[in-house]
Amino acid sequence: TALVALVALLDAAGVVLFDVQWTTEHLKSLGAVDITRDSYLRLLKEAQKSPILRQTETHG
């Protein structure tokens, strides 16, 4: 599916967090997992250092 391809591209680019908001059975079948708030905040902080995020913010 398109989501699987997107996640593969993001993973190859070193993206550490892909927030799907809701964990559905379908998303679980694609590898989504629930994480604690503390883990989310730690991963979010790490993700904010991503060159991809910085490039998107800079080049819109």
PDB file of N, CA and C in Angstrom:
ATOM      1  N   THR A   1       0.834  -1.199   0.000  1.00  0.00           N
ATOM      2  CA  THR A   1       0.000   0.000   0.000  1.00  0.00           C
ATOM      3  C   THR A   1       0.871   1.252   0.000  1.00  0.00           C
ATOM      4  N   ALA A   2       0.239   2.377  -0.252  1.00  0.00           N
ATOM      5  CA  ALA A   2       0.968   3.649  -0.269  1.00  0.00           C
ATOM      6  C   ALA A   2       1.572   3.955   1.100  1.00  0.00           C
ATOM      7  N   LEU A   3       0.849   3.623   2.160  1.00  0.00           N
ATOM      8  CA  LEU A   3       1.356   3.889   3.509  1.00  0.00           C
ATOM      9  C   LEU A   3       2.612   3.072   3.796  1.00  0.00           C
ATOM     10  N   VAL A   4       2.622   1.835   3.376  1.00  0.00           N
ATOM     11  CA  VAL A   4       3.797   0.982   3.576  1.00  0.00           C
ATOM     12  C   VAL A   4       4.992   1.566   2.823  1.00  0.00           C
ATOM     13  N   ALA A   5       4.776   2.025   1.604  1.00  0.00           N
ATOM     14  CA  ALA A   5       5.858   2.630   0.819  1.00  0.00           C
ATOM     15  C   ALA A   5       6.351   3.911   1.476  1.00  0.00           C
ATOM     16  N   LEU A   6       5.433   4.731   1.976  1.00  0.00           N
ATOM     17  CA  LEU A   6       5.816   5.972   2.650  1.00  0.00           C
ATOM     18  C   LEU A   6       6.658   5.680   3.883  1.00  0.00           C
ATOM     19  N   VAL A   7       6.227   4.745   4.688  1.00  0.00           N
ATOM     20  CA  VAL A   7       6.968   4.401   5.903  1.00  0.00           C
ATOM     21  C   VAL A   7       8.353   3.867   5.549  1.00  0.00           C
ATOM     22  N   ALA A   8       8.458   3.083   4.497  1.00  0.00           N
ATOM     23  CA  ALA A   8       9.766   2.570   4.066  1.00  0.00           C
ATOM     24  C   ALA A   8      10.686   3.720   3.659  1.00  0.00           C
ATOM     25  N   LEU A   9      10.158   4.697   2.934  1.00  0.00           N
ATOM     26  CA  LEU A   9      10.956   5.861   2.538  1.00  0.00           C
ATOM     27  C   LEU A   9      11.385   6.677   3.753  1.00  0.00           C
ATOM     28  N   LEU A  10      10.457   6.893   4.679  1.00  0.00           N
ATOM     29  CA  LEU A  10      10.781   7.659   5.882  1.00  0.00           C
ATOM     30  C   LEU A  10      11.828   6.935   6.718  1.00  0.00           C
ATOM     31  N   ASP A  11      11.689   5.626   6.839  1.00  0.00           N
ATOM     32  CA  ASP A  11      12.656   4.834   7.596  1.00  0.00           C
ATOM     33  C   ASP A  11      14.043   4.921   6.957  1.00  0.00           C
ATOM     34  N   ALA A  12      14.098   4.807   5.643  1.00  0.00           N
ATOM     35  CA  ALA A  12      15.381   4.894   4.936  1.00  0.00           C
ATOM     36  C   ALA A  12      16.021   6.270   5.104  1.00  0.00           C
ATOM     37  N   ALA A  13      15.183   7.284   5.284  1.00  0.00           N
ATOM     38  CA  ALA A  13      15.686   8.651   5.459  1.00  0.00           C
ATOM     39  C   ALA A  13      16.053   8.948   6.909  1.00  0.00           C
ATOM     40  N   GLY A  14      15.813   7.981   7.802  1.00  0.00           N
ATOM     41  CA  GLY A  14      16.179   8.167   9.202  1.00  0.00           C
ATOM     42  C   GLY A  14      15.107   8.811  10.059  1.00  0.00           C
ATOM     43  N   VAL A  15      13.892   8.881   9.551  1.00  0.00           N
ATOM     44  CA  VAL A  15      12.794   9.449  10.333  1.00  0.00           C
ATOM     45  C   VAL A  15      12.485   8.503  11.491  1.00  0.00           C
ATOM     46  N   VAL A  16      12.386   9.052  12.709  1.00  0.00           N
ATOM     47  CA  VAL A  16      12.221   8.205  13.895  1.00  0.00           C
ATOM     48  C   VAL A  16      10.796   8.184  14.438  1.00  0.00           C
ATOM     49  N   LEU A  17       9.924   9.042  13.909  1.00  0.00           N
ATOM     50  CA  LEU A  17       8.570   9.116  14.454  1.00  0.00           C
ATOM     51  C   LEU A  17       7.577   9.406  13.340  1.00  0.00           C
ATOM     52  N   PHE A  18       6.556   8.585  13.247  1.00  0.00           N
ATOM     53  CA  PHE A  18       5.451   8.794  12.316  1.00  0.00           C
ATOM     54  C   PHE A  18       4.190   8.646  13.155  1.00  0.00           C
ATOM     55  N   ASP A  19       3.603   9.754  13.537  1.00  0.00           N
ATOM     56  CA  ASP A  19       2.473   9.776  14.465  1.00  0.00           C
ATOM     57  C   ASP A  19       1.175   9.568  13.699  1.00  0.00           C
ATOM     58  N   VAL A  20       0.523   8.435  13.946  1.00  0.00           N
ATOM     59  CA  VAL A  20      -0.729   8.132  13.254  1.00  0.00           C
ATOM     60  C   VAL A  20      -1.965   8.523  14.066  1.00  0.00           C
ATOM     61  N   GLN A  21      -1.766   9.067  15.256  1.00  0.00           N
ATOM     62  CA  GLN A  21      -2.833   9.562  16.125  1.00  0.00           C
ATOM     63  C   GLN A  21      -3.691   8.449  16.738  1.00  0.00           C
ATOM     64  N   TRP A  22      -4.254   7.584  15.926  1.00  0.00           N
ATOM     65  CA  TRP A  22      -5.129   6.509  16.398  1.00  0.00           C
ATOM     66  C   TRP A  22      -4.508   5.189  16.009  1.00  0.00           C
ATOM     67  N   THR A  23      -4.486   4.237  16.931  1.00  0.00           N
ATOM     68  CA  THR A  23      -3.986   2.907  16.599  1.00  0.00           C
ATOM     69  C   THR A  23      -5.175   2.026  16.243  1.00  0.00           C
ATOM     70  N   THR A  24      -5.353   1.795  14.952  1.00  0.00           N
ATOM     71  CA  THR A  24      -6.429   0.925  14.484  1.00  0.00           C
ATOM     72  C   THR A  24      -5.867  -0.466  14.219  1.00  0.00           C
ATOM     73  N   GLU A  25      -6.742  -1.437  14.063  1.00  0.00           N
ATOM     74  CA  GLU A  25      -6.288  -2.792  13.739  1.00  0.00           C
ATOM     75  C   GLU A  25      -5.528  -2.789  12.415  1.00  0.00           C
ATOM     76  N   HIS A  26      -5.993  -1.995  11.462  1.00  0.00           N
ATOM     77  CA  HIS A  26      -5.299  -1.915  10.171  1.00  0.00           C
ATOM     78  C   HIS A  26      -3.885  -1.366  10.353  1.00  0.00           C
ATOM     79  N   LEU A  27      -3.748  -0.283  11.108  1.00  0.00           N
ATOM     80  CA  LEU A  27      -2.421   0.296  11.326  1.00  0.00           C
ATOM     81  C   LEU A  27      -1.528  -0.650  12.124  1.00  0.00           C
ATOM     82  N   LYS A  28      -2.120  -1.366  13.075  1.00  0.00           N
ATOM     83  CA  LYS A  28      -1.336  -2.368  13.811  1.00  0.00           C
ATOM     84  C   LYS A  28      -0.806  -3.440  12.864  1.00  0.00           C
ATOM     85  N   SER A  29      -1.629  -3.821  11.885  1.00  0.00           N
ATOM     86  CA  SER A  29      -1.195  -4.845  10.926  1.00  0.00           C
ATOM     87  C   SER A  29      -0.038  -4.350  10.072  1.00  0.00           C
ATOM     88  N   LEU A  30       0.137  -3.022  10.008  1.00  0.00           N
ATOM     89  CA  LEU A  30       1.236  -2.421   9.250  1.00  0.00           C
ATOM     90  C   LEU A  30       2.421  -2.065  10.138  1.00  0.00           C
ATOM     91  N   GLY A  31       2.305  -2.378  11.438  1.00  0.00           N
ATOM     92  CA  GLY A  31       3.437  -2.167  12.337  1.00  0.00           C
ATOM     93  C   GLY A  31       3.286  -1.046  13.342  1.00  0.00           C
ATOM     94  N   ALA A  32       2.150  -0.356  13.358  1.00  0.00           N
ATOM     95  CA  ALA A  32       1.941   0.716  14.334  1.00  0.00           C
ATOM     96  C   ALA A  32       1.884   0.135  15.743  1.00  0.00           C
ATOM     97  N   VAL A  33       2.445   0.866  16.688  1.00  0.00           N
ATOM     98  CA  VAL A  33       2.422   0.444  18.088  1.00  0.00           C
ATOM     99  C   VAL A  33       2.095   1.641  18.971  1.00  0.00           C
ATOM    100  N   ASP A  34       1.451   1.366  20.092  1.00  0.00           N
ATOM    101  CA  ASP A  34       1.219   2.404  21.095  1.00  0.00           C
ATOM    102  C   ASP A  34       2.497   2.592  21.896  1.00  0.00           C
ATOM    103  N   ILE A  35       2.782   3.837  22.257  1.00  0.00           N
ATOM    104  CA  ILE A  35       3.942   4.125  23.100  1.00  0.00           C
ATOM    105  C   ILE A  35       3.503   5.036  24.236  1.00  0.00           C
ATOM    106  N   THR A  36       4.294   5.064  25.284  1.00  0.00           N
ATOM    107  CA  THR A  36       3.973   5.925  26.421  1.00  0.00           C
ATOM    108  C   THR A  36       4.186   7.390  26.041  1.00  0.00           C
ATOM    109  N   ARG A  37       3.598   8.269  26.820  1.00  0.00           N
ATOM    110  CA  ARG A  37       3.770   9.708  26.595  1.00  0.00           C
ATOM    111  C   ARG A  37       5.242  10.090  26.695  1.00  0.00           C
ATOM    112  N   ASP A  38       5.929   9.542  27.690  1.00  0.00           N
ATOM    113  CA  ASP A  38       7.354   9.845  27.849  1.00  0.00           C
ATOM    114  C   ASP A  38       8.160   9.410  26.623  1.00  0.00           C
ATOM    115  N   SER A  39       7.863   8.230  26.106  1.00  0.00           N
ATOM    116  CA  SER A  39       8.552   7.757  24.902  1.00  0.00           C
ATOM    117  C   SER A  39       8.234   8.652  23.712  1.00  0.00           C
ATOM    118  N   TYR A  40       6.965   9.049  23.600  1.00  0.00           N
ATOM    119  CA  TYR A  40       6.564   9.931  22.503  1.00  0.00           C
ATOM    120  C   TYR A  40       7.324  11.252  22.566  1.00  0.00           C
ATOM    121  N   LEU A  41       7.396  11.847  23.743  1.00  0.00           N
ATOM    122  CA  LEU A  41       8.086  13.131  23.880  1.00  0.00           C
ATOM    123  C   LEU A  41       9.577  12.999  23.579  1.00  0.00           C
ATOM    124  N   ARG A  42      10.172  11.889  23.991  1.00  0.00           N
ATOM    125  CA  ARG A  42      11.590  11.652  23.696  1.00  0.00           C
ATOM    126  C   ARG A  42      11.806  11.501  22.191  1.00  0.00           C
ATOM    127  N   LEU A  43      10.957  10.715  21.543  1.00  0.00           N
ATOM    128  CA  LEU A  43      11.067  10.530  20.098  1.00  0.00           C
ATOM    129  C   LEU A  43      10.765  11.820  19.341  1.00  0.00           C
ATOM    130  N   LEU A  44       9.811  12.597  19.843  1.00  0.00           N
ATOM    131  CA  LEU A  44       9.478  13.866  19.204  1.00  0.00           C
ATOM    132  C   LEU A  44      10.668  14.814  19.243  1.00  0.00           C
ATOM    133  N   LYS A  45      11.329  14.865  20.381  1.00  0.00           N
ATOM    134  CA  LYS A  45      12.511  15.721  20.510  1.00  0.00           C
ATOM    135  C   LYS A  45      13.591  15.283  19.521  1.00  0.00           C
ATOM    136  N   GLU A  46      13.785  13.977  19.400  1.00  0.00           N
ATOM    137  CA  GLU A  46      14.767  13.456  18.449  1.00  0.00           C
ATOM    138  C   GLU A  46      14.343  13.761  17.008  1.00  0.00           C
ATOM    139  N   ALA A  47      13.055  13.600  16.724  1.00  0.00           N
ATOM    140  CA  ALA A  47      12.547  13.833  15.369  1.00  0.00           C
ATOM    141  C   ALA A  47      12.689  15.292  14.952  1.00  0.00           C
ATOM    142  N   GLN A  48      12.610  16.198  15.900  1.00  0.00           N
ATOM    143  CA  GLN A  48      12.714  17.617  15.581  1.00  0.00           C
ATOM    144  C   GLN A  48      14.113  18.004  15.112  1.00  0.00           C
ATOM    145  N   LYS A  49      15.085  17.133  15.308  1.00  0.00           N
ATOM    146  CA  LYS A  49      16.449  17.367  14.836  1.00  0.00           C
ATOM    147  C   LYS A  49      16.635  16.889  13.399  1.00  0.00           C
ATOM    148  N   SER A  50      15.622  16.268  12.847  1.00  0.00           N
ATOM    149  CA  SER A  50      15.714  15.659  11.527  1.00  0.00           C
ATOM    150  C   SER A  50      16.000  16.686  10.438  1.00  0.00           C
ATOM    151  N   PRO A  51      16.982  16.398   9.566  1.00  0.00           N
ATOM    152  CA  PRO A  51      17.240  17.307   8.448  1.00  0.00           C
ATOM    153  C   PRO A  51      16.029  17.421   7.527  1.00  0.00           C
ATOM    154  N   ILE A  52      15.222  16.368   7.449  1.00  0.00           N
ATOM    155  CA  ILE A  52      14.024  16.419   6.609  1.00  0.00           C
ATOM    156  C   ILE A  52      13.061  17.463   7.145  1.00  0.00           C
ATOM    157  N   LEU A  53      12.852  17.490   8.446  1.00  0.00           N
ATOM    158  CA  LEU A  53      11.965  18.476   9.048  1.00  0.00           C
ATOM    159  C   LEU A  53      12.503  19.881   8.818  1.00  0.00           C
ATOM    160  N   ARG A  54      13.770  20.065   9.047  1.00  0.00           N
ATOM    161  CA  ARG A  54      14.363  21.390   8.857  1.00  0.00           C
ATOM    162  C   ARG A  54      14.257  21.830   7.403  1.00  0.00           C
ATOM    163  N   GLN A  55      14.463  20.917   6.463  1.00  0.00           N
ATOM    164  CA  GLN A  55      14.370  21.266   5.051  1.00  0.00           C
ATOM    165  C   GLN A  55      12.934  21.642   4.698  1.00  0.00           C
ATOM    166  N   THR A  56      11.962  20.914   5.209  1.00  0.00           N
ATOM    167  CA  THR A  56      10.559  21.210   4.945  1.00  0.00           C
ATOM    168  C   THR A  56      10.189  22.574   5.495  1.00  0.00           C
ATOM    169  N   GLU A  57      10.645  22.875   6.698  1.00  0.00           N
ATOM    170  CA  GLU A  57      10.341  24.169   7.296  1.00  0.00           C
ATOM    171  C   GLU A  57      10.979  25.303   6.501  1.00  0.00           C
ATOM    172  N   THR A  58      12.158  25.073   5.961  1.00  0.00           N
ATOM    173  CA  THR A  58      12.889  26.106   5.238  1.00  0.00           C
ATOM    174  C   THR A  58      12.343  26.313   3.832  1.00  0.00           C
ATOM    175  N   HIS A  59      12.010  25.214   3.171  1.00  0.00           N
ATOM    176  CA  HIS A  59      11.636  25.291   1.765  1.00  0.00           C
ATOM    177  C   HIS A  59      10.146  25.079   1.514  1.00  0.00           C
ATOM    178  N   GLY A  60       9.385  24.946   2.595  1.00  0.00           N
ATOM    179  CA  GLY A  60       7.961  24.914   2.550  1.00  0.00           C
ATOM    180  C   GLY A  60       7.277  23.851   1.846  1.00  0.00           C
TER     181      GLY A  60
END
